[in-house]
Amino acid sequence: MKPTDFSKYISDFISRYLPLEKGVSNNTIIAYRDTFVLLIEYLQKEKQLKVEKLTLDKVTKKVILDYLDWLQNTRNCGNTTRNARLAAIHSFYRFLQHEDLGHLYNCQKILSIRFKKSQNKSIIYLTIEAMKLLLQQPDYSTNRGRRDLALLSLMYDTGARVQEIIDLTPSMLRLDTPPVIKIIGKGNRARVVPMLDAQTGHLRNYLKENRLDAASANMNPLFFNSRKEKLTRAGIHYIVQKYFKMARKENIMQLPEKISCHSLRHSKAMHLLQAGVNLVYIRDILGHVSVQTTELYARADSKQKRKALEKAYVNINPDETATWAKNENLIMWLKKF
């Protein structure tokens, strides 16, 4: 069967344009691929369009809008997920309009689809006391517990994203003096994050116990499951939630109702901010492209806001103390009134 123009350009977009011309990360390619896998699934199930006969002229602006509505109404996706899918679609049609001018009008129609405004969610993070409680939950007497402790500690200490933790190998660690870790972030951008000796104790023990300090293990996953495969996002999510629930049972008042893996990254950023670390340094540690992203933590830190207000506060209100309150004998004051 002759391939369609849709299959040709999608294949070219995913396999050539994104990795070779744009130089995007593998995670971005996977996210874009999943967008089109879902689109094809939608077209087959909801529009009865067979993938073998799917051509570009059948994927109109209305079809894309219906697909985006399907994501939200049927798959219960929020505006953020919808916008991420639309960003992938926009990227494809920007590529297509330069590859085939015959589809320029349809490309521009689809590129005119707007993103929906996403509600700014409050940053969920743990206090230092809550973070200590969370790290007390793993059972240090078991190999699994020691691995989980090393994992949670490193996630917090470095403020790394989940995928960045998944992609770590022993070769990216330098635990001599001073200890540092190399992290590959979004867009394949590398950053070196310093660590304190006190932060690396659990990690050193974990490496030694699992023979990850040997030269032959340099490219192995730093954190792996029982099959020696690197942990997945779902696996790390399970670990975080497991110990979070345990910690919350121990002290429900000290922890929020729910957290995500990203909450450990938020916690590190907030604690650095509260300790007076400059936003520029926090930006570099977290791997943000712009300090404007890091400023979100400053805006969210109500504790810092309160301290700043208290420091700048000048009492300009009149003294509202009742006249009788200055007189120890209320009865005498009433008689004189």
C-alpha atoms as a PDB file:
ATOM      1  CA  MET A   1       0.000   0.000   0.000  1.00  0.00           C
ATOM      2  CA  LYS A   2       1.281   3.438  -0.964  1.00  0.00           C
ATOM      3  CA  PRO A   3       2.098   5.632   2.054  1.00  0.00           C
ATOM      4  CA  THR A   4      -0.009   8.760   2.504  1.00  0.00           C
ATOM      5  CA  ASP A   5       1.313  12.306   2.711  1.00  0.00           C
ATOM      6  CA  PHE A   6       0.243  12.399   6.389  1.00  0.00           C
ATOM      7  CA  SER A   7       2.338   9.344   7.296  1.00  0.00           C
ATOM      8  CA  LYS A   8       5.281  10.664   5.278  1.00  0.00           C
ATOM      9  CA  TYR A   9       5.429  14.071   6.965  1.00  0.00           C
ATOM     10  CA  ILE A  10       4.676  12.807  10.473  1.00  0.00           C
ATOM     11  CA  SER A  11       7.513  10.262  10.149  1.00  0.00           C
ATOM     12  CA  ASP A  12       9.862  12.926   8.820  1.00  0.00           C
ATOM     13  CA  PHE A  13       8.865  15.333  11.614  1.00  0.00           C
ATOM     14  CA  ILE A  14       9.448  12.801  14.410  1.00  0.00           C
ATOM     15  CA  SER A  15      12.511  10.968  13.098  1.00  0.00           C
ATOM     16  CA  ARG A  16      14.432  13.747  11.313  1.00  0.00           C
ATOM     17  CA  TYR A  17      13.257  17.277  12.018  1.00  0.00           C
ATOM     18  CA  LEU A  18      12.907  17.158  15.818  1.00  0.00           C
ATOM     19  CA  PRO A  19      16.150  15.301  16.701  1.00  0.00           C
ATOM     20  CA  LEU A  20      18.439  16.427  13.876  1.00  0.00           C
ATOM     21  CA  GLU A  21      17.304  19.955  12.963  1.00  0.00           C
ATOM     22  CA  LYS A  22      15.667  21.197  16.138  1.00  0.00           C
ATOM     23  CA  GLY A  23      17.915  19.187  18.462  1.00  0.00           C
ATOM     24  CA  VAL A  24      15.161  18.665  21.026  1.00  0.00           C
ATOM     25  CA  SER A  25      15.489  16.196  23.870  1.00  0.00           C
ATOM     26  CA  ASN A  26      14.293  12.619  23.690  1.00  0.00           C
ATOM     27  CA  ASN A  27      11.603  13.407  26.258  1.00  0.00           C
ATOM     28  CA  THR A  28      10.171  16.136  24.016  1.00  0.00           C
ATOM     29  CA  ILE A  29      10.147  13.757  21.047  1.00  0.00           C
ATOM     30  CA  ILE A  30       8.264  11.181  23.117  1.00  0.00           C
ATOM     31  CA  ALA A  31       5.733  13.800  24.244  1.00  0.00           C
ATOM     32  CA  TYR A  32       5.163  14.963  20.634  1.00  0.00           C
ATOM     33  CA  ARG A  33       4.907  11.358  19.436  1.00  0.00           C
ATOM     34  CA  ASP A  34       2.276  10.607  22.078  1.00  0.00           C
ATOM     35  CA  THR A  35       0.258  13.625  20.907  1.00  0.00           C
ATOM     36  CA  PHE A  36      -0.012  12.186  17.407  1.00  0.00           C
ATOM     37  CA  VAL A  37      -0.615   8.647  18.656  1.00  0.00           C
ATOM     38  CA  LEU A  38      -3.641  10.031  20.525  1.00  0.00           C
ATOM     39  CA  LEU A  39      -4.698  12.050  17.470  1.00  0.00           C
ATOM     40  CA  ILE A  40      -4.641   8.951  15.274  1.00  0.00           C
ATOM     41  CA  GLU A  41      -6.549   7.018  17.944  1.00  0.00           C
ATOM     42  CA  TYR A  42      -9.165   9.778  18.008  1.00  0.00           C
ATOM     43  CA  LEU A  43      -9.475   9.915  14.214  1.00  0.00           C
ATOM     44  CA  GLN A  44      -9.965   6.160  13.999  1.00  0.00           C
ATOM     45  CA  LYS A  45     -12.465   5.838  16.850  1.00  0.00           C
ATOM     46  CA  GLU A  46     -14.407   9.072  16.607  1.00  0.00           C
ATOM     47  CA  LYS A  47     -14.080  10.050  12.930  1.00  0.00           C
ATOM     48  CA  GLN A  48     -13.846   6.524  11.456  1.00  0.00           C
ATOM     49  CA  LEU A  49     -10.765   7.499   9.473  1.00  0.00           C
ATOM     50  CA  LYS A  50      -8.435   4.562   8.870  1.00  0.00           C
ATOM     51  CA  VAL A  51      -4.786   5.414   9.418  1.00  0.00           C
ATOM     52  CA  GLU A  52      -3.866   3.701   6.115  1.00  0.00           C
ATOM     53  CA  LYS A  53      -6.001   6.226   4.226  1.00  0.00           C
ATOM     54  CA  LEU A  54      -5.342   9.274   6.399  1.00  0.00           C
ATOM     55  CA  THR A  55      -4.240  12.273   4.327  1.00  0.00           C
ATOM     56  CA  LEU A  56      -3.346  15.826   5.338  1.00  0.00           C
ATOM     57  CA  ASP A  57      -6.403  17.375   3.713  1.00  0.00           C
ATOM     58  CA  LYS A  58      -8.654  15.407   6.091  1.00  0.00           C
ATOM     59  CA  VAL A  59      -7.004  16.918   9.186  1.00  0.00           C
ATOM     60  CA  THR A  60      -8.618  20.347   9.197  1.00  0.00           C
ATOM     61  CA  LYS A  61      -8.837  23.054  11.829  1.00  0.00           C
ATOM     62  CA  LYS A  62     -12.248  21.749  12.892  1.00  0.00           C
ATOM     63  CA  VAL A  63     -10.862  18.229  13.277  1.00  0.00           C
ATOM     64  CA  ILE A  64      -8.045  19.507  15.508  1.00  0.00           C
ATOM     65  CA  LEU A  65     -10.495  21.547  17.596  1.00  0.00           C
ATOM     66  CA  ASP A  66     -12.726  18.476  17.991  1.00  0.00           C
ATOM     67  CA  TYR A  67      -9.658  16.464  19.034  1.00  0.00           C
ATOM     68  CA  LEU A  68      -8.718  19.023  21.670  1.00  0.00           C
ATOM     69  CA  ASP A  69     -12.302  19.008  23.003  1.00  0.00           C
ATOM     70  CA  TRP A  70     -12.186  15.195  23.069  1.00  0.00           C
ATOM     71  CA  LEU A  71      -9.037  15.316  25.187  1.00  0.00           C
ATOM     72  CA  GLN A  72     -10.810  17.484  27.743  1.00  0.00           C
ATOM     73  CA  ASN A  73     -14.321  16.053  27.678  1.00  0.00           C
ATOM     74  CA  THR A  74     -13.606  12.343  27.205  1.00  0.00           C
ATOM     75  CA  ARG A  75     -10.120  11.906  28.638  1.00  0.00           C
ATOM     76  CA  ASN A  76     -10.664  14.549  31.359  1.00  0.00           C
ATOM     77  CA  CYS A  77      -7.484  16.462  30.514  1.00  0.00           C
ATOM     78  CA  GLY A  78      -7.020  19.956  31.913  1.00  0.00           C
ATOM     79  CA  ASN A  79      -6.080  23.116  30.057  1.00  0.00           C
ATOM     80  CA  THR A  80      -2.368  22.523  30.691  1.00  0.00           C
ATOM     81  CA  THR A  81      -2.423  19.114  28.978  1.00  0.00           C
ATOM     82  CA  ARG A  82      -4.583  20.456  26.146  1.00  0.00           C
ATOM     83  CA  ASN A  83      -2.102  23.281  25.584  1.00  0.00           C
ATOM     84  CA  ALA A  84       0.845  20.869  25.602  1.00  0.00           C
ATOM     85  CA  ARG A  85      -0.854  18.755  22.895  1.00  0.00           C
ATOM     86  CA  LEU A  86      -1.651  21.866  20.883  1.00  0.00           C
ATOM     87  CA  ALA A  87       1.989  23.033  21.144  1.00  0.00           C
ATOM     88  CA  ALA A  88       3.094  19.736  19.558  1.00  0.00           C
ATOM     89  CA  ILE A  89       0.525  20.129  16.784  1.00  0.00           C
ATOM     90  CA  HIS A  90       1.622  23.723  16.158  1.00  0.00           C
ATOM     91  CA  SER A  91       5.225  22.583  15.916  1.00  0.00           C
ATOM     92  CA  PHE A  92       4.302  20.002  13.270  1.00  0.00           C
ATOM     93  CA  TYR A  93       2.333  22.464  11.151  1.00  0.00           C
ATOM     94  CA  ARG A  94       5.088  25.089  11.347  1.00  0.00           C
ATOM     95  CA  PHE A  95       7.388  22.385   9.977  1.00  0.00           C
ATOM     96  CA  LEU A  96       4.852  21.359   7.321  1.00  0.00           C
ATOM     97  CA  GLN A  97       4.229  24.866   5.934  1.00  0.00           C
ATOM     98  CA  HIS A  98       7.894  25.087   4.921  1.00  0.00           C
ATOM     99  CA  GLU A  99       8.028  21.534   3.575  1.00  0.00           C
ATOM    100  CA  ASP A 100       4.937  21.690   1.347  1.00  0.00           C
ATOM    101  CA  LEU A 101       3.540  25.063   0.263  1.00  0.00           C
ATOM    102  CA  GLY A 102       0.438  23.335  -1.085  1.00  0.00           C
ATOM    103  CA  HIS A 103      -0.762  22.951   2.517  1.00  0.00           C
ATOM    104  CA  LEU A 104       0.125  26.498   3.592  1.00  0.00           C
ATOM    105  CA  TYR A 105      -3.488  27.674   4.011  1.00  0.00           C
ATOM    106  CA  ASN A 106      -4.524  24.684   6.130  1.00  0.00           C
ATOM    107  CA  CYS A 107      -1.340  25.046   8.211  1.00  0.00           C
ATOM    108  CA  GLN A 108      -2.078  28.672   8.969  1.00  0.00           C
ATOM    109  CA  LYS A 109      -5.681  27.836   9.903  1.00  0.00           C
ATOM    110  CA  ILE A 110      -4.474  25.259  12.420  1.00  0.00           C
ATOM    111  CA  LEU A 111      -1.732  27.554  13.698  1.00  0.00           C
ATOM    112  CA  SER A 112      -4.441  30.128  14.456  1.00  0.00           C
ATOM    113  CA  ILE A 113      -5.929  27.868  17.158  1.00  0.00           C
ATOM    114  CA  ARG A 114      -5.309  29.588  20.471  1.00  0.00           C
ATOM    115  CA  PHE A 115      -4.136  28.195  23.754  1.00  0.00           C
ATOM    116  CA  LYS A 116      -6.530  28.223  26.677  1.00  0.00           C
ATOM    117  CA  LYS A 117      -5.654  30.147  29.782  1.00  0.00           C
ATOM    118  CA  SER A 118      -4.492  27.858  32.549  1.00  0.00           C
ATOM    119  CA  GLN A 119      -5.286  28.607  36.155  1.00  0.00           C
ATOM    120  CA  ASN A 120      -2.162  29.330  38.155  1.00  0.00           C
ATOM    121  CA  LYS A 121      -1.977  26.622  40.766  1.00  0.00           C
ATOM    122  CA  SER A 122      -0.434  27.309  44.132  1.00  0.00           C
ATOM    123  CA  ILE A 123       2.971  25.781  44.722  1.00  0.00           C
ATOM    124  CA  ILE A 124       2.734  22.794  47.057  1.00  0.00           C
ATOM    125  CA  TYR A 125       5.854  22.273  49.127  1.00  0.00           C
ATOM    126  CA  LEU A 126       6.898  20.765  52.436  1.00  0.00           C
ATOM    127  CA  THR A 127       8.293  22.643  55.389  1.00  0.00           C
ATOM    128  CA  ILE A 128      11.737  21.632  56.621  1.00  0.00           C
ATOM    129  CA  GLU A 129      10.088  19.751  59.524  1.00  0.00           C
ATOM    130  CA  ALA A 130       7.744  17.941  57.132  1.00  0.00           C
ATOM    131  CA  MET A 131      10.651  17.048  54.847  1.00  0.00           C
ATOM    132  CA  LYS A 132      12.535  15.561  57.799  1.00  0.00           C
ATOM    133  CA  LEU A 133       9.465  13.514  58.701  1.00  0.00           C
ATOM    134  CA  LEU A 134       9.166  12.202  55.140  1.00  0.00           C
ATOM    135  CA  LEU A 135      12.798  11.086  55.086  1.00  0.00           C
ATOM    136  CA  GLN A 136      12.323   9.225  58.370  1.00  0.00           C
ATOM    137  CA  GLN A 137       9.785   6.845  56.807  1.00  0.00           C
ATOM    138  CA  PRO A 138      11.947   4.422  54.732  1.00  0.00           C
ATOM    139  CA  ASP A 139      13.012   1.266  56.584  1.00  0.00           C
ATOM    140  CA  TYR A 140      16.800   1.584  56.789  1.00  0.00           C
ATOM    141  CA  SER A 141      17.129  -2.122  57.699  1.00  0.00           C
ATOM    142  CA  THR A 142      16.166  -3.231  54.151  1.00  0.00           C
ATOM    143  CA  ASN A 143      17.923  -2.775  50.828  1.00  0.00           C
ATOM    144  CA  ARG A 144      14.755  -1.314  49.297  1.00  0.00           C
ATOM    145  CA  GLY A 145      14.362   1.145  52.146  1.00  0.00           C
ATOM    146  CA  ARG A 146      17.961   2.339  51.836  1.00  0.00           C
ATOM    147  CA  ARG A 147      17.501   2.798  48.100  1.00  0.00           C
ATOM    148  CA  ASP A 148      14.331   4.815  48.641  1.00  0.00           C
ATOM    149  CA  LEU A 149      16.034   6.978  51.259  1.00  0.00           C
ATOM    150  CA  ALA A 150      18.924   7.712  48.877  1.00  0.00           C
ATOM    151  CA  LEU A 151      16.419   8.481  46.104  1.00  0.00           C
ATOM    152  CA  LEU A 152      14.218  10.843  48.133  1.00  0.00           C
ATOM    153  CA  SER A 153      17.225  12.586  49.646  1.00  0.00           C
ATOM    154  CA  LEU A 154      18.795  13.175  46.239  1.00  0.00           C
ATOM    155  CA  MET A 155      15.524  14.428  44.748  1.00  0.00           C
ATOM    156  CA  TYR A 156      15.285  17.006  47.513  1.00  0.00           C
ATOM    157  CA  ASP A 157      18.970  17.897  47.822  1.00  0.00           C
ATOM    158  CA  THR A 158      19.412  18.592  44.095  1.00  0.00           C
ATOM    159  CA  GLY A 159      15.903  19.875  43.317  1.00  0.00           C
ATOM    160  CA  ALA A 160      16.000  17.653  40.223  1.00  0.00           C
ATOM    161  CA  ARG A 161      12.997  16.875  38.059  1.00  0.00           C
ATOM    162  CA  VAL A 162      11.704  13.288  37.998  1.00  0.00           C
ATOM    163  CA  GLN A 163      13.023  12.560  34.507  1.00  0.00           C
ATOM    164  CA  GLU A 164      16.399  13.998  35.463  1.00  0.00           C
ATOM    165  CA  ILE A 165      16.578  11.556  38.379  1.00  0.00           C
ATOM    166  CA  ILE A 166      15.533   8.654  36.131  1.00  0.00           C
ATOM    167  CA  ASP A 167      18.304   9.446  33.637  1.00  0.00           C
ATOM    168  CA  LEU A 168      21.100   9.617  36.227  1.00  0.00           C
ATOM    169  CA  THR A 169      24.031   7.208  36.041  1.00  0.00           C
ATOM    170  CA  PRO A 170      26.931   6.766  38.506  1.00  0.00           C
ATOM    171  CA  SER A 171      29.237   8.461  35.984  1.00  0.00           C
ATOM    172  CA  MET A 172      27.373  11.724  36.588  1.00  0.00           C
ATOM    173  CA  LEU A 173      28.414  11.801  40.246  1.00  0.00           C
ATOM    174  CA  ARG A 174      31.615  13.201  41.702  1.00  0.00           C
ATOM    175  CA  LEU A 175      31.561  12.459  45.404  1.00  0.00           C
ATOM    176  CA  ASP A 176      35.113  13.474  46.224  1.00  0.00           C
ATOM    177  CA  THR A 177      35.712  16.924  47.722  1.00  0.00           C
ATOM    178  CA  PRO A 178      33.763  18.980  46.846  1.00  0.00           C
ATOM    179  CA  PRO A 179      30.925  16.621  45.755  1.00  0.00           C
ATOM    180  CA  VAL A 180      28.912  17.607  42.666  1.00  0.00           C
ATOM    181  CA  ILE A 181      26.341  16.010  40.389  1.00  0.00           C
ATOM    182  CA  LYS A 182      25.838  16.550  36.668  1.00  0.00           C
ATOM    183  CA  ILE A 183      22.176  16.755  35.670  1.00  0.00           C
ATOM    184  CA  ILE A 184      20.835  16.714  32.111  1.00  0.00           C
ATOM    185  CA  GLY A 185      17.711  18.868  32.015  1.00  0.00           C
ATOM    186  CA  LYS A 186      15.206  20.074  29.449  1.00  0.00           C
ATOM    187  CA  GLY A 187      16.563  20.579  25.964  1.00  0.00           C
ATOM    188  CA  ASN A 188      19.576  18.400  26.832  1.00  0.00           C
ATOM    189  CA  ARG A 189      21.009  21.297  28.833  1.00  0.00           C
ATOM    190  CA  ALA A 190      23.531  20.106  31.403  1.00  0.00           C
ATOM    191  CA  ARG A 191      24.075  21.748  34.778  1.00  0.00           C
ATOM    192  CA  VAL A 192      26.410  20.930  37.636  1.00  0.00           C
ATOM    193  CA  VAL A 193      24.840  21.087  41.076  1.00  0.00           C
ATOM    194  CA  PRO A 194      27.097  21.246  44.147  1.00  0.00           C
ATOM    195  CA  MET A 195      26.280  19.090  47.156  1.00  0.00           C
ATOM    196  CA  LEU A 196      27.451  19.204  50.743  1.00  0.00           C
ATOM    197  CA  ASP A 197      29.264  16.270  52.342  1.00  0.00           C
ATOM    198  CA  ALA A 198      26.352  15.881  54.768  1.00  0.00           C
ATOM    199  CA  GLN A 199      24.006  15.407  51.821  1.00  0.00           C
ATOM    200  CA  THR A 200      25.955  12.560  50.255  1.00  0.00           C
ATOM    201  CA  GLY A 201      26.113  10.102  53.163  1.00  0.00           C
ATOM    202  CA  HIS A 202      23.097   7.997  52.171  1.00  0.00           C
ATOM    203  CA  LEU A 203      24.124   8.163  48.521  1.00  0.00           C
ATOM    204  CA  ARG A 204      27.671   6.946  49.213  1.00  0.00           C
ATOM    205  CA  ASN A 205      26.339   3.987  51.211  1.00  0.00           C
ATOM    206  CA  TYR A 206      23.833   3.171  48.480  1.00  0.00           C
ATOM    207  CA  LEU A 207      26.506   3.203  45.766  1.00  0.00           C
ATOM    208  CA  LYS A 208      28.807   0.954  47.763  1.00  0.00           C
ATOM    209  CA  GLU A 209      26.067  -1.495  48.742  1.00  0.00           C
ATOM    210  CA  ASN A 210      24.917  -1.925  45.137  1.00  0.00           C
ATOM    211  CA  ARG A 211      28.442  -1.918  43.664  1.00  0.00           C
ATOM    212  CA  LEU A 212      27.664   1.177  41.643  1.00  0.00           C
ATOM    213  CA  ASP A 213      31.004   2.697  42.631  1.00  0.00           C
ATOM    214  CA  ALA A 214      32.815   0.252  40.330  1.00  0.00           C
ATOM    215  CA  ALA A 215      34.039   1.497  36.948  1.00  0.00           C
ATOM    216  CA  SER A 216      32.035  -1.229  35.185  1.00  0.00           C
ATOM    217  CA  ALA A 217      28.779   0.238  36.559  1.00  0.00           C
ATOM    218  CA  ASN A 218      29.423   3.791  35.359  1.00  0.00           C
ATOM    219  CA  MET A 219      26.636   3.792  32.770  1.00  0.00           C
ATOM    220  CA  ASN A 220      24.122   1.739  34.738  1.00  0.00           C
ATOM    221  CA  PRO A 221      20.937   3.428  35.979  1.00  0.00           C
ATOM    222  CA  LEU A 222      21.624   5.056  39.334  1.00  0.00           C
ATOM    223  CA  PHE A 223      18.215   3.989  40.650  1.00  0.00           C
ATOM    224  CA  PHE A 224      16.730   0.744  39.381  1.00  0.00           C
ATOM    225  CA  ASN A 225      13.993  -1.783  40.095  1.00  0.00           C
ATOM    226  CA  SER A 226      14.195  -5.485  40.905  1.00  0.00           C
ATOM    227  CA  ARG A 227      14.890  -6.259  37.226  1.00  0.00           C
ATOM    228  CA  LYS A 228      17.878  -3.876  37.218  1.00  0.00           C
ATOM    229  CA  GLU A 229      15.969  -1.526  34.913  1.00  0.00           C
ATOM    230  CA  LYS A 230      15.884   2.192  35.574  1.00  0.00           C
ATOM    231  CA  LEU A 231      12.885   3.409  37.501  1.00  0.00           C
ATOM    232  CA  THR A 232       9.932   4.864  35.619  1.00  0.00           C
ATOM    233  CA  ARG A 233       7.935   7.993  36.402  1.00  0.00           C
ATOM    234  CA  ALA A 234       5.166   5.781  37.749  1.00  0.00           C
ATOM    235  CA  GLY A 235       7.688   3.917  39.924  1.00  0.00           C
ATOM    236  CA  ILE A 236       9.077   7.087  41.501  1.00  0.00           C
ATOM    237  CA  HIS A 237       5.553   8.458  41.958  1.00  0.00           C
ATOM    238  CA  TYR A 238       4.636   5.285  43.837  1.00  0.00           C
ATOM    239  CA  ILE A 239       7.670   5.604  46.121  1.00  0.00           C
ATOM    240  CA  VAL A 240       6.983   9.253  46.955  1.00  0.00           C
ATOM    241  CA  GLN A 241       3.289   8.615  47.638  1.00  0.00           C
ATOM    242  CA  LYS A 242       4.035   5.552  49.764  1.00  0.00           C
ATOM    243  CA  TYR A 243       6.211   7.431  52.226  1.00  0.00           C
ATOM    244  CA  PHE A 244       4.066  10.563  52.079  1.00  0.00           C
ATOM    245  CA  LYS A 245       1.045   8.565  53.249  1.00  0.00           C
ATOM    246  CA  MET A 246       3.129   7.011  56.027  1.00  0.00           C
ATOM    247  CA  ALA A 247       4.368  10.424  57.153  1.00  0.00           C
ATOM    248  CA  ARG A 248       0.871  11.890  57.070  1.00  0.00           C
ATOM    249  CA  LYS A 249      -0.440   9.094  59.287  1.00  0.00           C
ATOM    250  CA  GLU A 250       2.290   9.943  61.773  1.00  0.00           C
ATOM    251  CA  ASN A 251       1.549  13.681  61.777  1.00  0.00           C
ATOM    252  CA  ILE A 252      -1.397  14.789  59.649  1.00  0.00           C
ATOM    253  CA  MET A 253      -1.064  18.418  60.750  1.00  0.00           C
ATOM    254  CA  GLN A 254       2.492  18.771  59.479  1.00  0.00           C
ATOM    255  CA  LEU A 255       1.883  17.714  55.880  1.00  0.00           C
ATOM    256  CA  PRO A 256      -0.438  19.011  53.126  1.00  0.00           C
ATOM    257  CA  GLU A 257      -3.341  16.926  51.846  1.00  0.00           C
ATOM    258  CA  LYS A 258      -1.414  15.822  48.776  1.00  0.00           C
ATOM    259  CA  ILE A 259       1.943  16.234  47.089  1.00  0.00           C
ATOM    260  CA  SER A 260       3.543  15.222  43.813  1.00  0.00           C
ATOM    261  CA  CYS A 261       7.114  14.258  42.996  1.00  0.00           C
ATOM    262  CA  HIS A 262       7.613  17.866  41.882  1.00  0.00           C
ATOM    263  CA  SER A 263       6.766  19.001  45.420  1.00  0.00           C
ATOM    264  CA  LEU A 264      10.227  17.886  46.561  1.00  0.00           C
ATOM    265  CA  ARG A 265      11.750  20.197  43.940  1.00  0.00           C
ATOM    266  CA  HIS A 266       9.451  23.003  45.084  1.00  0.00           C
ATOM    267  CA  SER A 267      10.451  22.319  48.687  1.00  0.00           C
ATOM    268  CA  LYS A 268      14.155  22.671  47.930  1.00  0.00           C
ATOM    269  CA  ALA A 269      13.578  25.939  46.078  1.00  0.00           C
ATOM    270  CA  MET A 270      11.470  27.408  48.885  1.00  0.00           C
ATOM    271  CA  HIS A 271      13.942  26.375  51.578  1.00  0.00           C
ATOM    272  CA  LEU A 272      16.826  27.959  49.661  1.00  0.00           C
ATOM    273  CA  LEU A 273      14.792  31.123  49.224  1.00  0.00           C
ATOM    274  CA  GLN A 274      13.877  31.245  52.911  1.00  0.00           C
ATOM    275  CA  ALA A 275      17.544  30.787  53.793  1.00  0.00           C
ATOM    276  CA  GLY A 276      18.347  33.941  51.837  1.00  0.00           C
ATOM    277  CA  VAL A 277      19.973  32.327  48.776  1.00  0.00           C
ATOM    278  CA  ASN A 278      19.995  34.632  45.755  1.00  0.00           C
ATOM    279  CA  LEU A 279      17.393  33.842  43.069  1.00  0.00           C
ATOM    280  CA  VAL A 280      20.143  33.609  40.436  1.00  0.00           C
ATOM    281  CA  TYR A 281      21.787  30.723  42.302  1.00  0.00           C
ATOM    282  CA  ILE A 282      18.434  28.999  42.807  1.00  0.00           C
ATOM    283  CA  ARG A 283      17.789  29.382  39.062  1.00  0.00           C
ATOM    284  CA  ASP A 284      21.093  27.674  38.249  1.00  0.00           C
ATOM    285  CA  ILE A 285      20.489  24.837  40.721  1.00  0.00           C
ATOM    286  CA  LEU A 286      16.995  24.142  39.383  1.00  0.00           C
ATOM    287  CA  GLY A 287      18.025  24.512  35.753  1.00  0.00           C
ATOM    288  CA  HIS A 288      15.578  27.268  34.845  1.00  0.00           C
ATOM    289  CA  VAL A 289      16.286  29.113  31.609  1.00  0.00           C
ATOM    290  CA  SER A 290      15.131  32.424  33.060  1.00  0.00           C
ATOM    291  CA  VAL A 291      15.134  33.826  36.567  1.00  0.00           C
ATOM    292  CA  GLN A 292      11.527  34.877  35.900  1.00  0.00           C
ATOM    293  CA  THR A 293      10.507  31.242  36.343  1.00  0.00           C
ATOM    294  CA  THR A 294      12.359  31.094  39.649  1.00  0.00           C
ATOM    295  CA  GLU A 295      10.593  34.250  40.815  1.00  0.00           C
ATOM    296  CA  LEU A 296       7.413  32.194  41.143  1.00  0.00           C
ATOM    297  CA  TYR A 297       8.794  30.877  44.418  1.00  0.00           C
ATOM    298  CA  ALA A 298       9.371  34.369  45.755  1.00  0.00           C
ATOM    299  CA  ARG A 299       5.790  35.306  44.912  1.00  0.00           C
ATOM    300  CA  ALA A 300       4.457  32.144  46.527  1.00  0.00           C
ATOM    301  CA  ASP A 301       6.394  32.390  49.783  1.00  0.00           C
ATOM    302  CA  SER A 302       3.863  33.823  52.217  1.00  0.00           C
ATOM    303  CA  LYS A 303       6.306  33.441  55.101  1.00  0.00           C
ATOM    304  CA  GLN A 304       8.804  35.724  53.403  1.00  0.00           C
ATOM    305  CA  LYS A 305       6.026  38.170  52.560  1.00  0.00           C
ATOM    306  CA  ARG A 306       4.904  38.307  56.167  1.00  0.00           C
ATOM    307  CA  LYS A 307       8.456  38.916  57.409  1.00  0.00           C
ATOM    308  CA  ALA A 308       8.952  41.684  54.852  1.00  0.00           C
ATOM    309  CA  LEU A 309       5.676  43.329  55.867  1.00  0.00           C
ATOM    310  CA  GLU A 310       6.502  43.082  59.564  1.00  0.00           C
ATOM    311  CA  LYS A 311       9.944  44.611  58.942  1.00  0.00           C
ATOM    312  CA  ALA A 312       8.490  47.539  57.007  1.00  0.00           C
ATOM    313  CA  TYR A 313       5.442  48.036  59.228  1.00  0.00           C
ATOM    314  CA  VAL A 314       4.951  51.378  60.903  1.00  0.00           C
ATOM    315  CA  ASN A 315       2.055  51.707  63.321  1.00  0.00           C
ATOM    316  CA  ILE A 316      -0.011  54.661  62.167  1.00  0.00           C
ATOM    317  CA  ASN A 317      -3.256  53.592  63.813  1.00  0.00           C
ATOM    318  CA  PRO A 318      -4.539  55.627  66.762  1.00  0.00           C
ATOM    319  CA  ASP A 319      -4.498  54.123  70.231  1.00  0.00           C
ATOM    320  CA  GLU A 320      -7.905  52.520  70.626  1.00  0.00           C
ATOM    321  CA  THR A 321      -7.451  51.630  74.284  1.00  0.00           C
ATOM    322  CA  ALA A 322     -10.590  52.630  76.151  1.00  0.00           C
ATOM    323  CA  THR A 323     -10.185  55.409  78.732  1.00  0.00           C
ATOM    324  CA  TRP A 324     -11.538  53.189  81.456  1.00  0.00           C
ATOM    325  CA  ALA A 325      -8.921  50.525  80.651  1.00  0.00           C
ATOM    326  CA  LYS A 326      -6.229  52.952  81.817  1.00  0.00           C
ATOM    327  CA  ASN A 327      -8.007  53.226  85.171  1.00  0.00           C
ATOM    328  CA  GLU A 328      -7.657  50.254  87.430  1.00  0.00           C
ATOM    329  CA  ASN A 329     -10.962  51.029  89.114  1.00  0.00           C
ATOM    330  CA  LEU A 330     -13.742  50.768  86.541  1.00  0.00           C
ATOM    331  CA  ILE A 331     -16.440  51.659  89.084  1.00  0.00           C
ATOM    332  CA  MET A 332     -14.685  54.912  90.023  1.00  0.00           C
ATOM    333  CA  TRP A 333     -14.350  55.851  86.365  1.00  0.00           C
ATOM    334  CA  LEU A 334     -18.039  55.204  85.728  1.00  0.00           C
ATOM    335  CA  LYS A 335     -19.024  57.402  88.691  1.00  0.00           C
ATOM    336  CA  LYS A 336     -16.906  60.285  87.284  1.00  0.00           C
ATOM    337  CA  PHE A 337     -18.338  59.921  83.773  1.00  0.00           C
END
